[in-house]
Amino acid sequence: MIPKAYLTVSVDDGHPTDMRSAELFQRFGLKATFYIPARNLERELMSVHGIREVAQHFEVGSHTFNHTPLNRLSDEEARAEINDGKKWLEDVAGREVVAFSYPKGKFRARSVQLVRGAGFLGARTCMSNVNGFPRNPFLWGVSTHGYSHRAAVQIRHALLEKNFRGMFNFVFTHRLARTWSEHFRHAVDSVEKHGGVAHLYFHSWEIDEQGQWNDLTRLLENISQWKGLVRLTNGDLFKLWHARTKKGGQGSREDKEGDLPLRNQQESRGAV
């Protein structure tokens, strides 16, 4: 019996171009999680009206209050960023927020404890080439970042992050793919055959800057036609992790991958 295969998509930063991504997800019947901060000094944010419109159709997750990397903050500052960001988004969206994403993929061991203490069910990192369930839901990796990194960059960051499973997967599952769309197709192929989680994350503003809306559209249309994948939001995955753990297991050997290291996480070049 082949283990279940899951598909999830997450979009970071709450940029106004997220509205375009939301339209594509709706067109192809896909679920997604949008991680949105209250403020971002680096980039424009969607209006409150836009956030509420997205929240009507998709999951919204917290990205702190000011989109500040947590590894730069004291525990007191980090706690405020995490808690205030959650409360603000819940007030805007009018619903509970259970999913969290570390800004720029950077955090400390203590950050993980603070996110858990704030009442989230799980947290997404930016660790790449990870196609399975983690042992810790607050250290959830991704299959693919929607940005085409050179192979040398992928391998270097995997080594810096001690993401040895990801480095192995990049070579043998993702086949040293040169483009992010090809990279993710390999993830989907593998997960369909062996079980696990195919997780694409991207920034809409980055897709826009790179002129890759056609690439994204073709990929989403393609994966929407793959019937062997259970479509979930990030929050759905976190809930599934807890349900499986409560029953006494974290999944089969085929779809379970080890914890990511608890250290300052380095994000791959081009991801913000």
Protein backbone atom coordinates (compact mmCIF):
# COMPACT_ATOMS: atom_id res chain seq x y z
CA MET A 1 0.00 0.00 0.00
CA ILE A 2 1.45 3.35 -1.08
CA PRO A 3 1.49 5.97 1.74
CA LYS A 4 -0.70 9.00 1.25
CA ALA A 5 0.66 11.82 -0.90
CA TYR A 6 -0.09 15.43 0.02
CA LEU A 7 0.16 18.71 -1.88
CA THR A 8 0.46 22.07 -0.16
CA VAL A 9 1.41 25.58 -1.30
CA SER A 10 2.43 28.58 0.79
CA VAL A 11 3.01 32.21 -0.18
CA ASP A 12 5.01 34.63 1.96
CA ASP A 13 4.96 38.35 2.73
CA GLY A 14 1.40 39.54 1.97
CA HIS A 15 2.43 41.60 -1.07
CA PRO A 16 -0.40 43.02 -3.24
CA THR A 17 0.61 40.61 -6.03
CA ASP A 18 -0.63 37.82 -3.73
CA MET A 19 -4.07 38.67 -5.10
CA ARG A 20 -2.91 37.43 -8.49
CA SER A 21 -1.64 34.20 -6.96
CA ALA A 22 -4.96 33.74 -5.17
CA GLU A 23 -6.80 34.07 -8.48
CA LEU A 24 -4.64 31.30 -9.96
CA PHE A 25 -5.28 29.00 -7.00
CA GLN A 26 -9.00 29.58 -7.36
CA ARG A 27 -8.87 28.93 -11.11
CA PHE A 28 -7.21 25.56 -10.62
CA GLY A 29 -8.99 24.52 -7.45
CA LEU A 30 -5.88 24.48 -5.25
CA LYS A 31 -5.54 25.16 -1.53
CA ALA A 32 -2.88 27.52 -0.20
CA THR A 33 -1.64 29.29 2.91
CA PHE A 34 -0.72 32.99 2.75
CA TYR A 35 1.73 34.13 5.44
CA ILE A 36 1.14 37.81 6.16
CA PRO A 37 2.88 40.26 8.52
CA ALA A 38 1.19 43.40 9.84
CA ARG A 39 4.09 45.57 8.61
CA ASN A 40 7.02 45.17 6.26
CA LEU A 41 9.51 48.00 5.86
CA GLU A 42 11.00 46.34 2.79
CA ARG A 43 7.89 45.88 0.66
CA GLU A 44 4.31 47.00 0.15
CA LEU A 45 1.54 45.02 1.84
CA MET A 46 -1.98 44.17 0.80
CA SER A 47 -4.70 46.36 2.21
CA VAL A 48 -6.81 45.08 5.09
CA HIS A 49 -9.64 44.65 2.58
CA GLY A 50 -7.37 42.55 0.36
CA ILE A 51 -6.28 40.37 3.28
CA ARG A 52 -9.91 39.75 4.25
CA GLU A 53 -10.75 38.86 0.66
CA VAL A 54 -7.90 36.33 0.53
CA ALA A 55 -8.91 34.95 3.94
CA GLN A 56 -12.41 34.22 2.64
CA HIS A 57 -11.02 31.58 0.28
CA PHE A 58 -7.64 30.52 1.70
CA GLU A 59 -5.81 30.00 4.94
CA VAL A 60 -3.85 32.94 6.30
CA GLY A 61 -0.86 32.33 8.54
CA SER A 62 1.22 34.66 10.68
CA HIS A 63 4.58 36.05 9.56
CA THR A 64 5.21 38.08 12.76
CA PHE A 65 4.14 41.70 13.21
CA ASN A 66 7.02 43.54 11.52
CA HIS A 67 8.52 40.77 9.33
CA THR A 68 11.67 40.85 11.45
CA PRO A 69 14.01 37.82 11.47
CA LEU A 70 13.67 36.27 14.91
CA ASN A 71 17.36 35.42 15.26
CA ARG A 72 18.09 39.15 15.59
CA LEU A 73 15.77 39.66 18.56
CA SER A 74 15.85 39.12 22.30
CA ASP A 75 13.36 36.64 23.71
CA GLU A 76 11.11 39.48 24.87
CA GLU A 77 11.17 41.17 21.45
CA ALA A 78 10.62 37.88 19.62
CA ARG A 79 7.68 36.99 21.87
CA ALA A 80 6.06 40.34 21.10
CA GLU A 81 6.61 39.92 17.35
CA ILE A 82 5.08 36.44 17.40
CA ASN A 83 2.14 37.13 19.71
CA ASP A 84 1.25 40.56 18.29
CA GLY A 85 1.43 39.27 14.72
CA LYS A 86 -0.97 36.44 15.56
CA LYS A 87 -3.46 38.66 17.35
CA TRP A 88 -3.39 41.29 14.58
CA LEU A 89 -4.04 38.76 11.83
CA GLU A 90 -6.80 37.05 13.78
CA ASP A 91 -8.48 40.44 14.28
CA VAL A 92 -8.21 41.21 10.55
CA ALA A 93 -9.25 37.79 9.26
CA GLY A 94 -11.87 37.16 11.95
CA ARG A 95 -10.69 33.60 12.59
CA GLU A 96 -8.09 31.64 14.52
CA VAL A 97 -4.60 31.55 13.02
CA VAL A 98 -2.77 28.26 13.61
CA ALA A 99 0.10 28.42 11.07
CA PHE A 100 3.33 30.40 11.38
CA SER A 101 6.27 31.06 9.04
CA TYR A 102 9.67 32.35 10.20
CA PRO A 103 10.51 35.66 8.44
CA LYS A 104 13.37 35.11 5.99
CA GLY A 105 13.57 31.56 7.33
CA LYS A 106 15.74 32.61 10.28
CA PHE A 107 15.27 31.70 13.92
CA ARG A 108 16.92 30.33 17.04
CA ALA A 109 16.09 27.28 19.14
CA ARG A 110 14.31 29.54 21.61
CA SER A 111 12.19 30.98 18.75
CA VAL A 112 10.64 27.58 18.18
CA GLN A 113 9.55 27.39 21.82
CA LEU A 114 8.06 30.89 21.64
CA VAL A 115 6.05 30.05 18.51
CA ARG A 116 4.70 26.91 20.18
CA GLY A 117 3.87 28.89 23.31
CA ALA A 118 1.90 31.44 21.30
CA GLY A 119 -0.66 28.77 20.40
CA PHE A 120 0.32 27.88 16.85
CA LEU A 121 0.06 24.25 15.70
CA GLY A 122 3.16 24.36 13.50
CA ALA A 123 5.68 26.55 11.71
CA ARG A 124 7.15 26.49 8.23
CA THR A 125 10.85 27.03 7.66
CA CYS A 126 12.67 27.73 4.39
CA MET A 127 14.72 24.53 4.45
CA SER A 128 14.49 23.10 0.92
CA ASN A 129 14.33 19.65 -0.66
CA VAL A 130 12.33 18.26 2.27
CA ASN A 131 9.41 16.09 1.11
CA GLY A 132 8.15 14.41 4.26
CA PHE A 133 6.62 14.84 7.69
CA PRO A 134 9.06 16.18 10.30
CA ARG A 135 9.33 14.90 13.85
CA ASN A 136 8.70 18.46 15.06
CA PRO A 137 5.83 20.39 13.38
CA PHE A 138 7.52 23.69 14.24
CA LEU A 139 10.43 22.76 11.97
CA TRP A 140 8.53 22.04 8.77
CA GLY A 141 10.62 22.18 5.62
CA VAL A 142 9.57 22.64 1.99
CA SER A 143 10.15 20.80 -1.25
CA THR A 144 10.77 23.80 -3.48
CA HIS A 145 11.25 27.55 -3.30
CA GLY A 146 9.81 29.26 -6.36
CA TYR A 147 13.16 30.69 -7.42
CA SER A 148 15.74 29.02 -9.63
CA HIS A 149 18.90 28.48 -7.56
CA ARG A 150 22.12 27.13 -9.01
CA ALA A 151 23.01 23.62 -7.88
CA ALA A 152 26.07 24.93 -6.05
CA VAL A 153 23.86 27.30 -4.03
CA GLN A 154 21.46 24.50 -3.12
CA ILE A 155 24.26 22.25 -1.92
CA ARG A 156 26.14 25.01 -0.08
CA HIS A 157 23.08 26.06 1.89
CA ALA A 158 22.17 22.47 2.69
CA LEU A 159 25.64 22.01 4.17
CA LEU A 160 25.47 25.28 6.12
CA GLU A 161 22.08 24.32 7.52
CA LYS A 162 23.14 20.71 8.17
CA ASN A 163 20.17 19.75 6.02
CA PHE A 164 21.73 16.48 4.88
CA ARG A 165 18.41 14.88 3.98
CA GLY A 166 17.68 17.86 1.77
CA MET A 167 21.06 17.59 0.06
CA PHE A 168 20.46 13.89 -0.61
CA ASN A 169 16.99 14.63 -1.98
CA PHE A 170 18.29 17.43 -4.20
CA VAL A 171 20.62 15.00 -5.94
CA PHE A 172 18.52 11.84 -6.08
CA THR A 173 14.90 13.07 -6.00
CA HIS A 174 15.07 16.54 -7.57
CA ARG A 175 17.89 15.42 -9.90
CA LEU A 176 19.87 18.66 -9.60
CA ALA A 177 17.04 20.50 -11.35
CA ARG A 178 18.02 23.87 -12.76
CA THR A 179 14.61 25.55 -12.71
CA TRP A 180 12.21 25.75 -9.78
CA SER A 181 9.25 24.46 -11.82
CA GLU A 182 11.18 21.35 -12.87
CA HIS A 183 12.45 20.99 -9.31
CA PHE A 184 8.89 20.88 -7.95
CA ARG A 185 7.66 18.47 -10.60
CA HIS A 186 10.29 16.01 -9.41
CA ALA A 187 9.00 16.46 -5.86
CA VAL A 188 5.43 15.73 -6.97
CA ASP A 189 6.55 12.67 -8.95
CA SER A 190 8.38 11.28 -5.92
CA VAL A 191 5.58 11.99 -3.45
CA GLU A 192 2.97 10.42 -5.75
CA LYS A 193 5.02 7.24 -5.94
CA HIS A 194 6.33 6.99 -2.39
CA GLY A 195 4.10 9.20 -0.24
CA GLY A 196 4.99 12.34 1.69
CA VAL A 197 4.41 16.06 1.16
CA ALA A 198 5.07 18.07 -2.00
CA HIS A 199 5.35 21.63 -0.66
CA LEU A 200 5.87 24.63 -2.94
CA TYR A 201 6.48 28.03 -1.39
CA PHE A 202 7.11 31.30 -3.17
CA HIS A 203 6.80 35.08 -3.02
CA SER A 204 4.35 36.60 -5.48
CA TRP A 205 6.50 39.71 -5.72
CA GLU A 206 9.47 37.54 -6.69
CA ILE A 207 7.44 35.76 -9.39
CA ASP A 208 6.46 39.21 -10.66
CA GLU A 209 10.02 40.57 -10.65
CA GLN A 210 11.31 37.50 -12.49
CA GLY A 211 8.50 37.66 -15.07
CA GLN A 212 7.46 34.08 -14.27
CA TRP A 213 3.68 34.24 -14.04
CA ASN A 214 3.34 32.05 -17.12
CA ASP A 215 5.67 29.47 -15.56
CA LEU A 216 3.65 29.51 -12.34
CA THR A 217 0.36 29.24 -14.24
CA ARG A 218 1.54 26.23 -16.25
CA LEU A 219 2.86 24.49 -13.14
CA LEU A 220 -0.31 25.05 -11.12
CA GLU A 221 -2.46 23.87 -14.01
CA ASN A 222 -0.30 20.77 -14.34
CA ILE A 223 -0.35 19.79 -10.68
CA SER A 224 -4.08 20.48 -10.42
CA GLN A 225 -4.61 17.57 -12.81
CA TRP A 226 -2.65 15.07 -10.67
CA LYS A 227 -5.39 13.13 -8.91
CA GLY A 228 -3.14 11.14 -6.58
CA LEU A 229 -2.42 14.10 -4.30
CA VAL A 230 -4.49 15.16 -1.29
CA ARG A 231 -4.65 18.96 -1.29
CA LEU A 232 -4.16 20.58 2.11
CA THR A 233 -3.30 23.95 3.59
CA ASN A 234 -0.26 24.22 5.85
CA GLY A 235 -2.61 24.38 8.83
CA ASP A 236 -4.33 21.18 7.67
CA LEU A 237 -0.93 19.48 7.60
CA PHE A 238 -0.11 20.68 11.09
CA LYS A 239 -3.45 19.36 12.36
CA LEU A 240 -2.83 16.06 10.60
CA TRP A 241 0.59 15.80 12.26
CA HIS A 242 -0.96 16.27 15.70
CA ALA A 243 -3.76 13.80 14.96
CA ARG A 244 -1.30 11.16 13.83
CA THR A 245 0.92 11.75 16.84
CA LYS A 246 -2.03 11.52 19.22
CA LYS A 247 -2.80 8.10 17.76
CA GLY A 248 0.72 7.01 18.59
CA GLY A 249 2.62 7.49 15.33
CA GLN A 250 4.05 10.17 13.06
CA GLY A 251 3.57 8.41 9.77
CA SER A 252 5.22 5.64 7.88
CA ARG A 253 8.93 5.32 7.34
CA GLU A 254 8.42 6.35 3.71
CA ASP A 255 6.88 9.77 4.40
CA LYS A 256 8.71 10.75 7.60
CA GLU A 257 11.89 12.80 7.60
CA GLY A 258 14.12 13.89 10.46
CA ASP A 259 14.04 17.14 12.38
CA LEU A 260 15.75 20.15 10.96
CA PRO A 261 18.65 21.31 13.13
CA LEU A 262 17.81 23.80 15.88
CA ARG A 263 20.20 26.56 14.96
CA ASN A 264 20.11 29.91 13.20
CA GLN A 265 18.60 29.00 9.85
CA GLN A 266 20.11 30.46 6.69
CA GLU A 267 17.72 31.12 3.86
CA SER A 268 18.62 30.34 0.27
CA ARG A 269 19.65 33.23 -1.92
CA GLY A 270 16.75 35.08 -3.48
CA ALA A 271 14.20 34.18 -0.77
CA VAL A 272 12.97 36.89 1.56
